[in-house]
N, C-alpha and C. Protein backbone atom coordinates (compact mmCIF):
# COMPACT_ATOMS: atom_id res chain seq x y z
N UNK A 1 18.14 -9.74 -2.91
CA UNK A 1 18.57 -10.42 -3.33
C UNK A 1 18.41 -10.68 -4.98
N UNK A 2 19.63 -10.87 -6.20
CA UNK A 2 19.02 -10.70 -7.33
C UNK A 2 19.57 -11.86 -7.84
N UNK A 3 18.43 -12.11 -9.17
CA UNK A 3 18.57 -13.34 -9.73
C UNK A 3 17.27 -13.77 -10.59
N UNK A 4 17.31 -14.22 -11.24
CA UNK A 4 16.59 -14.27 -12.58
C UNK A 4 14.79 -15.01 -12.03
N UNK A 5 14.28 -14.05 -12.25
CA UNK A 5 12.46 -14.76 -12.19
C UNK A 5 12.15 -15.74 -12.77
N UNK A 6 11.69 -16.97 -12.50
CA UNK A 6 11.92 -18.19 -12.95
C UNK A 6 10.14 -18.40 -13.04
N UNK A 7 9.15 -18.25 -12.30
CA UNK A 7 7.88 -17.94 -12.18
C UNK A 7 7.01 -17.00 -11.55
N UNK A 8 6.05 -16.80 -11.65
CA UNK A 8 4.75 -16.08 -11.17
C UNK A 8 3.82 -16.44 -10.64
N UNK A 9 3.56 -17.02 -9.46
CA UNK A 9 2.34 -17.66 -8.88
C UNK A 9 1.52 -16.68 -7.97
N UNK A 10 1.00 -15.82 -8.34
CA UNK A 10 0.49 -14.85 -7.06
C UNK A 10 -0.08 -15.75 -5.35
N UNK A 11 0.15 -15.68 -4.50
CA UNK A 11 0.65 -14.67 -3.94
C UNK A 11 2.99 -14.68 -4.16
N UNK A 12 3.37 -15.77 -4.96
CA UNK A 12 4.73 -15.99 -4.98
C UNK A 12 5.17 -15.51 -6.38
N UNK A 13 6.55 -15.98 -5.94
CA UNK A 13 7.53 -15.55 -7.22
C UNK A 13 8.64 -16.67 -7.10
N UNK A 14 9.35 -17.70 -7.92
CA UNK A 14 10.12 -17.89 -8.57
C UNK A 14 12.01 -17.16 -8.78
N UNK A 15 12.60 -17.19 -7.88
CA UNK A 15 13.49 -16.19 -8.34
C UNK A 15 14.51 -17.18 -8.62
N UNK A 16 15.59 -17.66 -9.25
CA UNK A 16 16.72 -18.53 -9.09
C UNK A 16 17.97 -17.63 -9.16
N UNK A 17 19.23 -17.92 -8.38
CA UNK A 17 19.60 -17.38 -7.54
C UNK A 17 20.75 -18.30 -7.80
N UNK A 18 21.81 -18.01 -9.45
CA UNK A 18 22.93 -18.54 -8.79
C UNK A 18 22.13 -20.64 -8.67
N UNK A 19 21.35 -20.98 -9.47
CA UNK A 19 20.90 -21.87 -9.35
C UNK A 19 20.26 -22.34 -8.72
N UNK A 20 19.81 -21.81 -7.02
CA UNK A 20 18.78 -21.97 -6.32
C UNK A 20 17.98 -21.56 -6.41
N UNK A 21 16.55 -22.28 -6.44
CA UNK A 21 15.26 -21.25 -6.61
C UNK A 21 14.82 -21.35 -5.12
N UNK A 22 14.50 -20.05 -5.10
CA UNK A 22 13.91 -19.22 -3.89
C UNK A 22 12.54 -18.82 -3.97
N UNK A 23 11.71 -19.21 -3.27
CA UNK A 23 10.34 -19.44 -3.65
C UNK A 23 9.89 -18.10 -2.29
N UNK A 24 9.28 -16.89 -3.08
CA UNK A 24 9.63 -15.97 -2.13
C UNK A 24 7.78 -14.92 -2.51
N UNK A 25 7.11 -15.10 -0.81
CA UNK A 25 5.76 -14.34 -0.86
C UNK A 25 6.21 -13.22 -1.32
N UNK A 26 5.18 -12.35 -1.80
CA UNK A 26 5.15 -10.73 -1.93
C UNK A 26 4.09 -10.32 -2.22
N UNK A 27 3.33 -8.86 -1.85
CA UNK A 27 2.45 -8.22 -1.92
C UNK A 27 2.04 -8.04 -3.95
N UNK A 28 0.79 -7.60 -3.79
CA UNK A 28 0.38 -7.42 -5.11
C UNK A 28 1.02 -6.06 -6.11
N UNK A 29 0.97 -5.45 -5.18
CA UNK A 29 2.42 -3.97 -5.60
C UNK A 29 3.49 -4.94 -6.07
N UNK A 30 4.24 -5.17 -5.47
CA UNK A 30 5.23 -5.90 -5.83
C UNK A 30 5.28 -6.75 -6.88
N UNK A 31 4.43 -7.35 -7.12
CA UNK A 31 3.95 -8.52 -8.45
C UNK A 31 4.01 -7.74 -9.84
N UNK A 32 2.99 -6.74 -9.29
CA UNK A 32 2.86 -6.17 -11.19
C UNK A 32 3.96 -5.47 -10.94
N UNK A 33 5.11 -4.76 -10.82
CA UNK A 33 5.77 -4.31 -10.92
C UNK A 33 6.96 -4.85 -11.42
N UNK A 34 6.97 -6.44 -10.77
CA UNK A 34 8.34 -7.20 -11.76
C UNK A 34 8.11 -7.19 -13.08
N UNK A 35 9.16 -7.86 -13.83
CA UNK A 35 9.56 -7.82 -14.90
C UNK A 35 9.06 -8.86 -15.48
N UNK A 36 9.04 -9.56 -16.75
CA UNK A 36 8.62 -10.51 -17.48
C UNK A 36 9.71 -11.83 -17.02
N UNK A 37 8.73 -13.00 -16.88
CA UNK A 37 9.57 -14.36 -15.64
C UNK A 37 10.58 -14.60 -16.72
N UNK A 38 12.29 -15.20 -16.87
CA UNK A 38 13.00 -15.15 -17.30
C UNK A 38 13.66 -13.80 -17.58
N UNK A 39 13.48 -12.21 -16.97
CA UNK A 39 14.17 -11.18 -16.31
C UNK A 39 15.01 -11.45 -15.32
N UNK A 40 15.92 -10.69 -15.30
CA UNK A 40 16.67 -10.32 -13.74
C UNK A 40 15.60 -9.85 -13.78
N UNK A 41 15.99 -9.67 -12.06
CA UNK A 41 15.15 -9.20 -10.87
C UNK A 41 15.44 -9.00 -9.44
N UNK A 42 15.42 -7.91 -8.56
CA UNK A 42 15.97 -7.40 -7.41
C UNK A 42 15.03 -7.23 -6.84
N UNK A 43 15.09 -7.83 -5.28
CA UNK A 43 13.55 -8.24 -4.71
C UNK A 43 14.11 -7.81 -3.12
N UNK A 44 14.22 -6.57 -2.38
CA UNK A 44 14.17 -6.63 -0.81
C UNK A 44 13.26 -7.24 -0.25
N UNK A 45 14.23 -8.56 0.82
CA UNK A 45 13.51 -9.25 1.37
C UNK A 45 13.59 -9.88 2.78
N UNK A 46 13.05 -10.22 3.47
CA UNK A 46 12.79 -10.42 5.03
C UNK A 46 12.62 -11.63 5.44
N UNK A 47 13.09 -12.12 5.85
CA UNK A 47 12.75 -14.19 6.71
C UNK A 47 12.48 -13.69 7.96
N UNK A 48 11.66 -14.69 7.82
CA UNK A 48 10.87 -15.22 8.74
C UNK A 48 10.74 -16.63 9.30
N UNK A 49 11.77 -16.64 10.45
CA UNK A 49 12.36 -17.97 10.47
C UNK A 49 11.08 -18.54 12.12
N UNK A 50 10.75 -20.02 12.16
CA UNK A 50 9.90 -20.24 12.97
C UNK A 50 9.81 -21.76 13.36
N UNK A 51 9.96 -22.26 14.15
CA UNK A 51 9.42 -23.52 14.54
C UNK A 51 9.88 -24.40 13.23
N UNK A 52 8.66 -24.55 12.89
CA UNK A 52 8.27 -25.36 11.87
C UNK A 52 8.38 -25.08 10.53
N UNK A 53 8.66 -23.96 10.06
CA UNK A 53 8.60 -23.02 8.52
C UNK A 53 9.82 -21.80 8.79
N UNK A 54 10.20 -21.75 7.40
CA UNK A 54 11.01 -20.14 6.57
C UNK A 54 10.53 -19.35 6.09
N UNK A 55 10.26 -18.64 6.47
CA UNK A 55 9.72 -17.99 4.81
C UNK A 55 10.19 -16.62 4.52
N UNK A 56 10.53 -16.78 3.31
CA UNK A 56 10.83 -15.61 2.72
C UNK A 56 9.98 -14.13 1.65
N UNK A 57 9.65 -13.04 2.69
CA UNK A 57 9.16 -12.25 1.64
C UNK A 57 10.05 -11.01 0.84
N UNK A 58 9.79 -11.20 -0.04
CA UNK A 58 10.42 -10.17 -0.80
C UNK A 58 9.70 -8.67 -0.94
N UNK A 59 9.70 -7.56 -1.28
CA UNK A 59 9.47 -6.25 -1.85
C UNK A 59 10.10 -5.80 -2.44
N UNK A 60 9.25 -4.77 -3.53
CA UNK A 60 10.22 -4.41 -4.32
C UNK A 60 11.40 -3.12 -4.35
N UNK A 61 10.38 -2.26 -2.87
CA UNK A 61 11.38 -1.23 -2.79
C UNK A 61 11.48 -1.38 -1.68
N UNK A 62 12.76 -0.70 -1.02
CA UNK A 62 13.22 -0.49 0.70
C UNK A 62 11.38 0.10 1.42
N UNK A 63 10.60 0.99 1.20
CA UNK A 63 9.90 1.53 1.65
C UNK A 63 8.72 0.32 1.96
N UNK A 64 8.34 -0.73 1.09
CA UNK A 64 7.66 -1.34 1.31
C UNK A 64 7.90 -2.42 2.19
N UNK A 65 9.19 -3.00 2.06
CA UNK A 65 10.55 -3.42 3.67
C UNK A 65 9.69 -3.00 4.79
N UNK A 66 10.02 -1.86 5.09
CA UNK A 66 10.40 -1.10 6.29
C UNK A 66 8.56 -1.15 6.41
N UNK A 67 7.52 -0.78 5.62
CA UNK A 67 6.42 -1.06 6.33
C UNK A 67 6.02 -1.93 6.60
N UNK A 68 5.94 -3.17 5.56
CA UNK A 68 5.89 -4.85 6.41
C UNK A 68 6.82 -4.88 7.85
N UNK A 69 7.86 -4.43 7.66
CA UNK A 69 8.69 -4.65 9.09
C UNK A 69 7.63 -3.62 10.08
N UNK A 70 7.19 -2.54 10.22
CA UNK A 70 6.61 -1.80 10.78
C UNK A 70 5.29 -3.03 11.14
N UNK A 71 4.83 -3.21 10.22
CA UNK A 71 3.56 -3.48 10.49
C UNK A 71 3.34 -5.12 11.24
N UNK A 72 4.64 -6.07 11.08
CA UNK A 72 4.13 -7.11 11.48
C UNK A 72 4.56 -7.20 13.35
N UNK A 73 5.33 -5.81 13.68
CA UNK A 73 5.71 -5.76 14.67
C UNK A 73 4.12 -5.70 15.86
N UNK A 74 3.53 -5.22 14.84
CA UNK A 74 2.34 -5.33 15.96
C UNK A 74 1.54 -6.09 16.65
N UNK A 75 1.38 -6.65 17.83
CA UNK A 75 0.75 -7.62 18.22
C UNK A 75 -0.47 -8.13 17.65
N UNK A 76 -0.77 -9.60 17.41
CA UNK A 76 -2.01 -9.91 16.20
C UNK A 76 -1.68 -9.42 15.15
N UNK A 77 -0.99 -8.85 14.37
CA UNK A 77 -1.14 -8.32 12.89
C UNK A 77 0.67 -9.16 12.30
N UNK A 78 0.23 -10.91 11.31
CA UNK A 78 1.45 -11.89 10.80
C UNK A 78 1.07 -11.38 9.46
N UNK A 79 2.15 -12.17 8.79
CA UNK A 79 3.03 -11.73 7.43
C UNK A 79 1.86 -11.88 6.94
N UNK A 80 1.10 -12.47 6.93
CA UNK A 80 -0.14 -12.95 6.14
C UNK A 80 -0.95 -11.21 5.45
N UNK A 81 -1.25 -11.42 7.36
CA UNK A 81 -2.21 -9.40 7.34
C UNK A 81 -1.37 -8.53 6.77
N UNK A 82 -0.07 -8.38 7.11
CA UNK A 82 0.83 -7.43 6.37
C UNK A 82 0.95 -7.12 5.04
N UNK A 83 1.21 -8.51 4.70
CA UNK A 83 1.06 -8.14 2.41
C UNK A 83 -0.23 -8.49 2.55
N UNK A 84 -1.74 -8.22 3.11
CA UNK A 84 -2.41 -7.77 2.25
C UNK A 84 -2.83 -6.52 2.80
N UNK A 85 -1.94 -6.35 3.25
CA UNK A 85 -2.35 -4.91 3.71
C UNK A 85 -1.65 -3.70 2.92
N UNK A 86 -0.45 -4.63 2.42
CA UNK A 86 0.79 -3.86 1.35
C UNK A 86 -0.12 -4.41 -0.01
N UNK A 87 -0.66 -5.05 0.01
CA UNK A 87 -1.41 -5.13 -1.55
C UNK A 87 -2.69 -4.24 -1.51
N UNK A 88 -3.16 -4.38 -0.47
CA UNK A 88 -4.08 -3.60 -0.89
C UNK A 88 -4.26 -1.97 -0.55
N UNK A 89 -2.78 -1.28 0.15
CA UNK A 89 -2.49 0.26 -0.06
C UNK A 89 -1.09 0.01 -0.41
N UNK A 90 -0.47 1.26 -1.60
CA UNK A 90 0.76 1.57 -1.69
C UNK A 90 1.26 2.69 -0.29
N UNK A 91 2.20 1.89 0.10
CA UNK A 91 3.18 2.74 1.21
C UNK A 91 2.56 4.09 1.48
N UNK A 92 2.25 4.90 0.58
CA UNK A 92 1.81 6.50 0.46
C UNK A 92 0.77 6.31 1.27
N UNK A 93 -0.28 5.08 0.30
CA UNK A 93 -1.54 5.70 1.26
C UNK A 93 -1.78 4.79 2.28
N UNK A 94 -1.17 4.04 2.61
CA UNK A 94 -0.76 3.68 4.62
C UNK A 94 -0.31 4.60 5.11
N UNK A 95 0.70 5.27 4.24
CA UNK A 95 1.15 6.36 5.40
C UNK A 95 -0.02 7.79 4.93
N UNK A 96 -0.53 7.49 4.41
CA UNK A 96 -1.87 8.43 4.27
C UNK A 96 -2.90 8.34 5.17
N UNK A 97 -3.15 6.87 5.87
CA UNK A 97 -4.68 6.65 6.09
C UNK A 97 -3.97 6.95 7.56
N UNK A 98 -3.26 6.44 7.55
CA UNK A 98 -2.46 6.56 9.07
C UNK A 98 -2.50 7.97 9.99
N UNK A 99 -1.75 8.87 8.93
CA UNK A 99 -1.69 10.51 9.12
C UNK A 99 -3.07 10.99 9.25
N UNK A 100 -4.03 10.24 8.71
CA UNK A 100 -5.70 10.95 8.49
C UNK A 100 -6.40 9.85 10.14
N UNK A 101 -5.88 9.02 9.96
CA UNK A 101 -6.68 8.25 11.29
C UNK A 101 -8.11 7.92 10.72
N UNK A 102 -7.94 7.53 9.17
CA UNK A 102 -8.91 6.76 7.92
C UNK A 102 -8.72 4.85 7.96
N UNK A 103 -9.73 4.74 9.14
CA UNK A 103 -10.01 3.42 9.54
C UNK A 103 -10.67 2.69 7.98
N UNK A 104 -12.03 3.29 7.41
CA UNK A 104 -11.88 2.95 6.52
C UNK A 104 -11.51 2.78 5.13
N UNK A 105 -10.52 3.05 4.77
CA UNK A 105 -9.99 2.41 3.68
C UNK A 105 -9.15 0.84 4.09
N UNK A 106 -8.75 0.97 5.72
CA UNK A 106 -7.94 -0.56 6.14
C UNK A 106 -8.88 -1.24 6.38
N UNK A 107 -10.32 -1.50 6.58
CA UNK A 107 -11.56 -2.42 6.97
C UNK A 107 -12.05 -2.33 5.62
N UNK A 108 -11.64 -2.17 4.43
CA UNK A 108 -11.98 -2.77 2.71
C UNK A 108 -10.59 -3.77 2.32
N UNK A 109 -9.62 -3.86 3.12
CA UNK A 109 -8.82 -4.74 3.06
C UNK A 109 -9.38 -6.17 3.28
N UNK A 110 -9.10 -7.43 2.31
CA UNK A 110 -9.45 -8.38 3.57
C UNK A 110 -9.19 -8.99 3.92
N UNK A 111 -9.13 -9.61 5.26
CA UNK A 111 -8.34 -10.10 6.44
C UNK A 111 -8.22 -8.66 7.38
N UNK A 112 -8.69 -7.74 7.13
CA UNK A 112 -8.66 -6.45 8.25
C UNK A 112 -9.91 -6.24 8.68
N UNK A 113 -10.49 -6.57 10.01
CA UNK A 113 -11.54 -6.29 10.73
C UNK A 113 -11.69 -4.76 11.06
N UNK A 114 -12.71 -4.42 11.63
CA UNK A 114 -12.78 -3.08 12.82
C UNK A 114 -11.18 -2.70 13.35
N UNK A 115 -11.41 -3.78 14.57
CA UNK A 115 -10.90 -4.03 15.35
C UNK A 115 -8.40 -3.66 14.95
N UNK A 116 -8.73 -4.71 13.88
CA UNK A 116 -7.10 -5.01 13.32
C UNK A 116 -7.24 -3.15 12.64
N UNK A 117 -7.84 -2.57 12.54
CA UNK A 117 -7.85 -1.73 11.02
C UNK A 117 -7.67 -0.06 12.90
N UNK A 118 -8.46 -0.27 13.24
CA UNK A 118 -8.25 0.14 14.70
C UNK A 118 -6.46 -0.10 15.40
N UNK A 119 -5.94 -0.95 15.60
CA UNK A 119 -5.10 -0.83 16.52
C UNK A 119 -3.29 -0.82 15.28
N UNK A 120 -3.99 -0.86 14.16
CA UNK A 120 -2.99 -0.43 12.77
C UNK A 120 -3.00 0.85 13.02
N UNK A 121 -3.95 1.66 13.29
CA UNK A 121 -4.15 3.55 12.81
C UNK A 121 -3.81 3.47 14.15
N UNK A 122 -3.65 2.91 15.72
CA UNK A 122 -2.50 3.62 17.02
C UNK A 122 -1.36 2.93 16.60
N UNK A 123 -1.31 1.92 16.51
CA UNK A 123 0.70 1.37 16.47
C UNK A 123 1.36 2.24 15.43
N UNK A 124 0.88 2.22 14.17
CA UNK A 124 1.54 2.64 13.23
C UNK A 124 1.51 4.44 13.44
N UNK A 125 0.96 5.27 13.83
CA UNK A 125 0.96 6.68 13.90
C UNK A 125 2.24 7.29 14.25
N UNK A 126 3.38 7.91 13.08
CA UNK A 126 4.52 8.94 14.06
C UNK A 126 5.45 7.79 12.99
N UNK A 127 4.77 6.10 12.73
CA UNK A 127 6.26 5.47 12.23
C UNK A 127 6.30 5.08 11.12
N UNK A 128 5.53 5.33 10.18
CA UNK A 128 5.96 5.45 8.68
C UNK A 128 6.20 6.66 8.15
N UNK A 129 7.22 6.64 6.90
CA UNK A 129 7.33 8.09 6.87
C UNK A 129 6.64 8.30 5.34
N UNK A 130 6.30 9.03 5.55
CA UNK A 130 5.20 10.23 4.86
C UNK A 130 6.49 10.47 2.98
N UNK A 131 6.14 9.99 2.02
CA UNK A 131 6.41 9.99 1.07
C UNK A 131 7.01 11.40 0.79
N UNK A 132 7.51 11.82 -0.11
CA UNK A 132 8.41 13.09 -0.83
C UNK A 132 6.26 13.71 -1.53
N UNK A 133 6.16 14.81 -1.18
CA UNK A 133 4.51 14.86 -2.31
C UNK A 133 3.78 15.23 -1.26
N UNK A 134 4.09 14.67 0.08
CA UNK A 134 2.58 13.78 0.64
C UNK A 134 1.77 15.32 0.95
N UNK A 135 2.04 16.21 1.44
CA UNK A 135 1.03 17.41 1.61
C UNK A 135 -0.13 17.33 0.22
N UNK A 136 0.53 17.17 -1.07
CA UNK A 136 -0.31 17.06 -2.03
C UNK A 136 -1.50 15.94 -2.34
N UNK A 137 -0.83 14.66 -1.93
CA UNK A 137 -1.74 13.72 -2.14
C UNK A 137 -2.68 13.69 -0.70
N UNK A 138 -1.88 14.25 0.88
CA UNK A 138 -3.04 14.69 1.56
C UNK A 138 -4.03 15.70 1.11
N UNK A 139 -3.84 16.63 0.68
CA UNK A 139 -5.21 17.41 -0.27
C UNK A 139 -5.88 16.38 -0.96
N UNK A 140 -5.27 15.87 -1.87
CA UNK A 140 -6.11 15.09 -2.93
C UNK A 140 -7.04 14.01 -1.83
N UNK A 141 -6.49 13.63 -0.76
CA UNK A 141 -6.76 12.45 0.18
C UNK A 141 -8.42 13.44 0.75
N UNK A 142 -8.05 14.64 0.92
CA UNK A 142 -9.11 15.67 1.52
C UNK A 142 -10.27 15.75 0.78
N UNK A 143 -10.00 16.00 -0.71
CA UNK A 143 -11.07 16.85 -1.44
C UNK A 143 -12.07 15.72 -1.80
N UNK A 144 -11.30 14.03 -1.49
CA UNK A 144 -12.02 12.79 -2.02
C UNK A 144 -12.84 12.94 -0.66
N UNK A 145 -12.52 12.77 0.23
CA UNK A 145 -12.86 12.41 1.53
C UNK A 145 -14.33 13.40 1.58
N UNK A 146 -14.22 14.75 1.31
CA UNK A 146 -15.49 15.82 0.97
C UNK A 146 -16.24 15.44 -0.13
N UNK A 147 -15.72 15.16 -0.78
CA UNK A 147 -17.02 14.70 -1.87
C UNK A 147 -17.73 13.52 -1.25
N UNK A 148 -17.11 13.11 -1.13
CA UNK A 148 -17.74 11.47 -0.50
C UNK A 148 -18.53 11.93 0.59
N UNK A 149 -18.28 12.95 1.25
CA UNK A 149 -19.38 13.34 2.26
C UNK A 149 -20.45 14.20 1.98
N UNK A 150 -20.29 14.35 0.52
CA UNK A 150 -21.38 14.78 -0.32
C UNK A 150 -22.00 13.94 -0.94
N UNK A 151 -21.85 12.89 -0.91
CA UNK A 151 -22.71 11.96 -1.00
C UNK A 151 -22.54 11.04 -2.62
N UNK A 152 -20.80 11.51 -2.72
CA UNK A 152 -20.57 11.21 -4.41
C UNK A 152 -19.67 9.90 -3.91
N UNK A 153 -19.76 9.15 -5.18
CA UNK A 153 -18.81 7.86 -4.42
C UNK A 153 -17.52 8.11 -4.97
N UNK A 154 -16.95 7.51 -4.57
CA UNK A 154 -15.25 6.82 -4.20
C UNK A 154 -14.63 7.34 -5.41
N UNK A 155 -15.59 7.12 -6.87
CA UNK A 155 -14.81 7.02 -8.04
C UNK A 155 -15.08 7.91 -8.48
N UNK A 156 -16.49 8.57 -8.19
CA UNK A 156 -16.26 10.17 -9.04
C UNK A 156 -15.61 11.09 -8.10
N UNK A 157 -15.49 10.76 -6.83
CA UNK A 157 -14.40 11.87 -6.84
C UNK A 157 -13.37 11.69 -6.68
N UNK A 158 -13.00 10.87 -6.93
CA UNK A 158 -11.59 11.01 -6.94
C UNK A 158 -11.14 11.36 -8.66
N UNK A 159 -11.95 10.51 -9.15
CA UNK A 159 -11.48 11.13 -10.91
C UNK A 159 -11.75 12.77 -10.75
N UNK A 160 -13.05 13.18 -9.72
CA UNK A 160 -13.05 14.82 -10.26
C UNK A 160 -11.67 15.13 -9.33
N UNK A 161 -11.17 15.06 -8.32
CA UNK A 161 -9.75 15.75 -7.86
C UNK A 161 -9.09 15.27 -7.90
N UNK A 162 -9.07 14.03 -9.34
CA UNK A 162 -7.48 14.56 -9.73
C UNK A 162 -7.44 15.11 -10.95
N UNK A 163 -8.25 15.44 -10.99
CA UNK A 163 -8.53 16.84 -12.35
C UNK A 163 -7.63 17.96 -11.74
N UNK A 164 -7.96 18.82 -10.63
CA UNK A 164 -7.18 19.47 -10.31
C UNK A 164 -6.16 20.25 -9.82
N UNK A 165 -5.85 21.14 -9.40
CA UNK A 165 -4.47 21.75 -9.72
C UNK A 165 -4.00 21.71 -8.50
N UNK A 166 -2.78 20.88 -8.77
CA UNK A 166 -1.77 20.39 -6.94
C UNK A 166 -1.69 21.71 -6.31
N UNK A 167 -1.19 22.83 -7.17
CA UNK A 167 -1.39 24.15 -6.01
C UNK A 167 -2.15 24.74 -5.20
N UNK A 168 -3.57 24.53 -5.38
CA UNK A 168 -5.02 24.30 -4.89
C UNK A 168 -4.80 24.66 -3.51
N UNK A 169 -5.77 25.78 -2.55
CA UNK A 169 -5.39 24.74 -1.11
C UNK A 169 -6.83 24.20 -1.22
N UNK A 170 -6.56 23.89 0.57
CA UNK A 170 -8.27 22.42 0.48
C UNK A 170 -9.28 22.58 0.03
N UNK A 171 -9.98 24.30 0.26
CA UNK A 171 -11.37 24.41 -0.07
C UNK A 171 -11.42 25.01 -1.02
N UNK A 172 -10.51 25.80 -2.29
CA UNK A 172 -10.48 25.46 -3.25
C UNK A 172 -10.93 24.77 -3.95
N UNK A 173 -9.82 23.34 -4.01
CA UNK A 173 -9.55 22.58 -4.78
C UNK A 173 -10.99 21.57 -4.40
N UNK A 174 -11.98 21.64 -3.46
CA UNK A 174 -12.90 20.79 -3.11
C UNK A 174 -13.82 21.26 -3.82
N UNK A 175 -14.06 23.20 -4.21
CA UNK A 175 -14.52 23.87 -5.04
C UNK A 175 -14.33 23.06 -6.40
N UNK A 176 -12.82 23.46 -7.21
CA UNK A 176 -13.01 23.31 -8.14
C UNK A 176 -13.52 21.76 -8.92
N UNK A 177 -13.06 20.69 -7.67
CA UNK A 177 -13.73 19.05 -7.78
C UNK A 177 -15.50 19.07 -7.87
N UNK A 178 -15.94 20.11 -7.41
CA UNK A 178 -17.27 20.10 -7.38
C UNK A 178 -18.02 20.71 -8.99
N UNK A 179 -17.05 21.22 -9.51
CA UNK A 179 -17.42 21.93 -10.50
C UNK A 179 -16.87 20.94 -11.88
N UNK A 180 -15.70 20.51 -11.63
CA UNK A 180 -15.77 19.09 -12.63
C UNK A 180 -16.72 18.12 -12.20
N UNK A 181 -17.38 17.95 -11.16
CA UNK A 181 -18.35 16.44 -10.87
C UNK A 181 -19.81 17.24 -12.12
N UNK A 182 -19.57 18.79 -12.18
CA UNK A 182 -20.72 19.11 -12.67
C UNK A 182 -21.19 19.18 -14.41
N UNK A 183 -19.36 19.37 -14.83
CA UNK A 183 -19.66 19.11 -15.92
C UNK A 183 -19.47 18.27 -16.28
N UNK A 184 -19.46 16.76 -15.59
CA UNK A 184 -19.43 15.02 -16.81
C UNK A 184 -20.65 14.80 -16.52
């Protein structure tokens, strides 16, 4: 859907398409990527039709929409929960969490409890495409988890891992990140 962005009112946007305004629910990741009000915007949409309502959901990328569609196929996960997941994690982070079976990141999302997180990890395994560059992202995640296990906060660990060269193996990357933490 392409039109003029008429208004932003999280978690919804109003898009004017040839004089017809559509109210579209979007995840926060999409909301942050949108241009200024009055500019032309293209959203990839998904329409949910129920007996009592028709809801339109919009996404800035095709990957977000595909992840949303995978999420709503899971029993007990509705559109609101799927939007919350995509607002709390990027598609790459979600794929990484599923690949690593890391429920800790999922339970931090409002509305996602332990049981829902376990169900998401089980149902999404092998169904989310891992973006290009994923081995580097996974290595970075492994470094952050290792540092967190040593007692560093997630914020400190992420900052230390960010300064590590991408071509290092995991063990060397952890050592380099530890050196970065000591220097700070």
